[in-house]
């Protein structure tokens, strides 16, 4: 988007989504919640992940099921809002209030966070 800048390039962002954890990837958080993985507090208790086993299972699921493609564009940030408004992108919450799945996905993620707050911090 034109009003936000990122310090990461596309390669870094895709790599983190594929190999990172739910604390740093909204895509991983969404997919893990949809797959029914248990979200847990880790470290100091403020970071939320699916734990070592859950994150590994999610990484494998993504390797088996996810695909990545891209289109080169001189100013890609000018396209994001337009694409979100024109395409059915149910996993994207930002700028996507018009999507039928938006409220349900937001609720699912909030429920997972709420449930996590009642659990002890994982090692």
C-alpha atoms as a PDB file:
ATOM      1  CA  UNK A   1       0.000   0.000   0.000  1.00  0.00           C
ATOM      2  CA  UNK A   2       1.219   3.477  -0.735  1.00  0.00           C
ATOM      3  CA  UNK A   3       1.130   4.626   2.899  1.00  0.00           C
ATOM      4  CA  UNK A   4       3.156   1.684   4.259  1.00  0.00           C
ATOM      5  CA  UNK A   5       6.720   0.717   3.578  1.00  0.00           C
ATOM      6  CA  UNK A   6       8.380  -2.606   4.163  1.00  0.00           C
ATOM      7  CA  UNK A   7      11.995  -3.288   4.948  1.00  0.00           C
ATOM      8  CA  UNK A   8      11.644  -6.799   3.526  1.00  0.00           C
ATOM      9  CA  UNK A   9      11.718  -7.896  -0.064  1.00  0.00           C
ATOM     10  CA  UNK A  10       9.346 -10.505  -1.491  1.00  0.00           C
ATOM     11  CA  UNK A  11      11.837 -13.352  -1.011  1.00  0.00           C
ATOM     12  CA  UNK A  12      12.234 -12.611   2.700  1.00  0.00           C
ATOM     13  CA  UNK A  13       8.487 -12.299   3.228  1.00  0.00           C
ATOM     14  CA  UNK A  14       7.676 -15.568   1.463  1.00  0.00           C
ATOM     15  CA  UNK A  15      10.495 -17.385   3.273  1.00  0.00           C
ATOM     16  CA  UNK A  16       9.214 -16.252   6.677  1.00  0.00           C
ATOM     17  CA  UNK A  17       5.646 -17.238   5.835  1.00  0.00           C
ATOM     18  CA  UNK A  18       6.917 -20.678   4.804  1.00  0.00           C
ATOM     19  CA  UNK A  19       9.477 -21.283   7.571  1.00  0.00           C
ATOM     20  CA  UNK A  20       8.723 -18.810  10.367  1.00  0.00           C
ATOM     21  CA  UNK A  21       6.076 -18.954  13.053  1.00  0.00           C
ATOM     22  CA  UNK A  22       2.629 -17.560  13.810  1.00  0.00           C
ATOM     23  CA  UNK A  23       4.059 -14.757  15.958  1.00  0.00           C
ATOM     24  CA  UNK A  24       5.572 -13.133  12.878  1.00  0.00           C
ATOM     25  CA  UNK A  25       3.290 -14.299  10.078  1.00  0.00           C
ATOM     26  CA  UNK A  26      -0.390 -13.495   9.879  1.00  0.00           C
ATOM     27  CA  UNK A  27      -0.652 -16.093   7.102  1.00  0.00           C
ATOM     28  CA  UNK A  28       0.695 -18.815   9.404  1.00  0.00           C
ATOM     29  CA  UNK A  29      -1.605 -17.646  12.209  1.00  0.00           C
ATOM     30  CA  UNK A  30      -4.618 -17.827   9.907  1.00  0.00           C
ATOM     31  CA  UNK A  31      -3.763 -21.209   8.390  1.00  0.00           C
ATOM     32  CA  UNK A  32      -2.942 -22.753  11.763  1.00  0.00           C
ATOM     33  CA  UNK A  33      -6.246 -21.557  13.216  1.00  0.00           C
ATOM     34  CA  UNK A  34      -8.152 -22.906  10.213  1.00  0.00           C
ATOM     35  CA  UNK A  35      -6.352 -26.243  10.552  1.00  0.00           C
ATOM     36  CA  UNK A  36      -7.244 -26.438  14.243  1.00  0.00           C
ATOM     37  CA  UNK A  37      -3.695 -26.222  15.599  1.00  0.00           C
ATOM     38  CA  UNK A  38      -3.407 -25.156  19.237  1.00  0.00           C
ATOM     39  CA  UNK A  39      -2.075 -21.634  19.608  1.00  0.00           C
ATOM     40  CA  UNK A  40       0.196 -21.235  22.656  1.00  0.00           C
ATOM     41  CA  UNK A  41       1.976 -18.441  24.508  1.00  0.00           C
ATOM     42  CA  UNK A  42       5.754 -18.859  24.390  1.00  0.00           C
ATOM     43  CA  UNK A  43       8.802 -17.140  25.844  1.00  0.00           C
ATOM     44  CA  UNK A  44       7.714 -14.233  28.029  1.00  0.00           C
ATOM     45  CA  UNK A  45       4.089 -15.079  27.246  1.00  0.00           C
ATOM     46  CA  UNK A  46       3.416 -12.273  24.785  1.00  0.00           C
ATOM     47  CA  UNK A  47       4.379 -14.191  21.617  1.00  0.00           C
ATOM     48  CA  UNK A  48       1.826 -16.638  20.220  1.00  0.00           C
ATOM     49  CA  UNK A  49       2.874 -19.636  18.141  1.00  0.00           C
ATOM     50  CA  UNK A  50       1.672 -23.174  17.509  1.00  0.00           C
ATOM     51  CA  UNK A  51       4.643 -24.583  19.439  1.00  0.00           C
ATOM     52  CA  UNK A  52       7.519 -26.488  17.917  1.00  0.00           C
ATOM     53  CA  UNK A  53       5.441 -29.478  16.776  1.00  0.00           C
ATOM     54  CA  UNK A  54       2.532 -27.371  15.552  1.00  0.00           C
ATOM     55  CA  UNK A  55       4.749 -25.001  13.580  1.00  0.00           C
ATOM     56  CA  UNK A  56       6.558 -27.993  12.034  1.00  0.00           C
ATOM     57  CA  UNK A  57       3.213 -29.550  11.068  1.00  0.00           C
ATOM     58  CA  UNK A  58       2.092 -26.232   9.569  1.00  0.00           C
ATOM     59  CA  UNK A  59       5.338 -25.884   7.620  1.00  0.00           C
ATOM     60  CA  UNK A  60       4.816 -29.375   6.192  1.00  0.00           C
ATOM     61  CA  UNK A  61       1.174 -28.649   5.370  1.00  0.00           C
ATOM     62  CA  UNK A  62       2.216 -25.507   3.523  1.00  0.00           C
ATOM     63  CA  UNK A  63       4.947 -27.376   1.630  1.00  0.00           C
ATOM     64  CA  UNK A  64       2.361 -29.939   0.526  1.00  0.00           C
ATOM     65  CA  UNK A  65      -0.495 -27.539  -0.244  1.00  0.00           C
ATOM     66  CA  UNK A  66       0.589 -23.923  -0.744  1.00  0.00           C
ATOM     67  CA  UNK A  67       1.771 -22.334  -3.955  1.00  0.00           C
ATOM     68  CA  UNK A  68       3.394 -18.977  -4.549  1.00  0.00           C
ATOM     69  CA  UNK A  69       3.282 -16.879  -7.679  1.00  0.00           C
ATOM     70  CA  UNK A  70       4.037 -13.258  -8.422  1.00  0.00           C
ATOM     71  CA  UNK A  71       3.903 -10.625 -11.088  1.00  0.00           C
ATOM     72  CA  UNK A  72       6.704  -8.157 -11.627  1.00  0.00           C
ATOM     73  CA  UNK A  73       5.570  -4.546 -11.452  1.00  0.00           C
ATOM     74  CA  UNK A  74       7.580  -1.335 -11.138  1.00  0.00           C
ATOM     75  CA  UNK A  75       5.333  -0.036  -8.330  1.00  0.00           C
ATOM     76  CA  UNK A  76       3.681  -3.114  -6.770  1.00  0.00           C
ATOM     77  CA  UNK A  77       2.366  -1.142  -3.782  1.00  0.00           C
ATOM     78  CA  UNK A  78      -0.040   0.625  -6.148  1.00  0.00           C
ATOM     79  CA  UNK A  79      -1.754  -2.664  -6.996  1.00  0.00           C
ATOM     80  CA  UNK A  80      -2.510  -4.157  -3.559  1.00  0.00           C
ATOM     81  CA  UNK A  81      -5.680  -2.223  -2.719  1.00  0.00           C
ATOM     82  CA  UNK A  82      -7.041  -2.678  -6.228  1.00  0.00           C
ATOM     83  CA  UNK A  83      -6.444  -6.431  -6.256  1.00  0.00           C
ATOM     84  CA  UNK A  84      -7.946  -6.914  -2.788  1.00  0.00           C
ATOM     85  CA  UNK A  85     -11.072  -5.038  -3.863  1.00  0.00           C
ATOM     86  CA  UNK A  86     -11.475  -7.028  -7.096  1.00  0.00           C
ATOM     87  CA  UNK A  87     -10.466 -10.575  -6.160  1.00  0.00           C
ATOM     88  CA  UNK A  88     -11.900 -13.088  -3.707  1.00  0.00           C
ATOM     89  CA  UNK A  89      -9.067 -13.318  -1.181  1.00  0.00           C
ATOM     90  CA  UNK A  90     -10.705 -14.850   1.905  1.00  0.00           C
ATOM     91  CA  UNK A  91      -7.516 -15.187   3.960  1.00  0.00           C
ATOM     92  CA  UNK A  92      -6.631 -11.512   3.674  1.00  0.00           C
ATOM     93  CA  UNK A  93      -8.187  -9.468   6.489  1.00  0.00           C
ATOM     94  CA  UNK A  94      -6.596  -6.083   5.765  1.00  0.00           C
ATOM     95  CA  UNK A  95      -8.761  -3.919   3.460  1.00  0.00           C
ATOM     96  CA  UNK A  96     -11.085  -6.868   2.947  1.00  0.00           C
ATOM     97  CA  UNK A  97     -14.215  -6.106   4.979  1.00  0.00           C
ATOM     98  CA  UNK A  98     -16.333  -6.813   1.887  1.00  0.00           C
ATOM     99  CA  UNK A  99     -15.328 -10.485   1.827  1.00  0.00           C
ATOM    100  CA  UNK A 100     -18.010 -12.878   3.161  1.00  0.00           C
ATOM    101  CA  UNK A 101     -15.431 -14.820   5.179  1.00  0.00           C
ATOM    102  CA  UNK A 102     -13.839 -11.764   6.822  1.00  0.00           C
ATOM    103  CA  UNK A 103     -15.928 -11.697  10.016  1.00  0.00           C
ATOM    104  CA  UNK A 104     -15.759 -15.471  10.530  1.00  0.00           C
ATOM    105  CA  UNK A 105     -11.986 -15.560  10.068  1.00  0.00           C
ATOM    106  CA  UNK A 106     -11.487 -12.612  12.398  1.00  0.00           C
ATOM    107  CA  UNK A 107     -13.644 -14.360  15.017  1.00  0.00           C
ATOM    108  CA  UNK A 108     -11.773 -17.656  14.611  1.00  0.00           C
ATOM    109  CA  UNK A 109      -8.421 -15.961  15.181  1.00  0.00           C
ATOM    110  CA  UNK A 110      -9.757 -13.975  18.168  1.00  0.00           C
ATOM    111  CA  UNK A 111     -11.178 -17.159  19.719  1.00  0.00           C
ATOM    112  CA  UNK A 112      -7.793 -18.890  19.359  1.00  0.00           C
ATOM    113  CA  UNK A 113      -6.034 -15.955  21.053  1.00  0.00           C
ATOM    114  CA  UNK A 114      -8.607 -15.893  23.870  1.00  0.00           C
ATOM    115  CA  UNK A 115      -8.300 -19.644  24.462  1.00  0.00           C
ATOM    116  CA  UNK A 116      -4.502 -19.305  24.523  1.00  0.00           C
ATOM    117  CA  UNK A 117      -4.611 -16.736  27.317  1.00  0.00           C
ATOM    118  CA  UNK A 118      -6.161 -19.371  29.608  1.00  0.00           C
ATOM    119  CA  UNK A 119      -3.300 -21.849  29.013  1.00  0.00           C
ATOM    120  CA  UNK A 120       0.085 -21.899  30.727  1.00  0.00           C
ATOM    121  CA  UNK A 121       3.088 -20.547  28.852  1.00  0.00           C
ATOM    122  CA  UNK A 122       4.776 -23.283  26.805  1.00  0.00           C
ATOM    123  CA  UNK A 123       8.449 -24.049  27.109  1.00  0.00           C
END
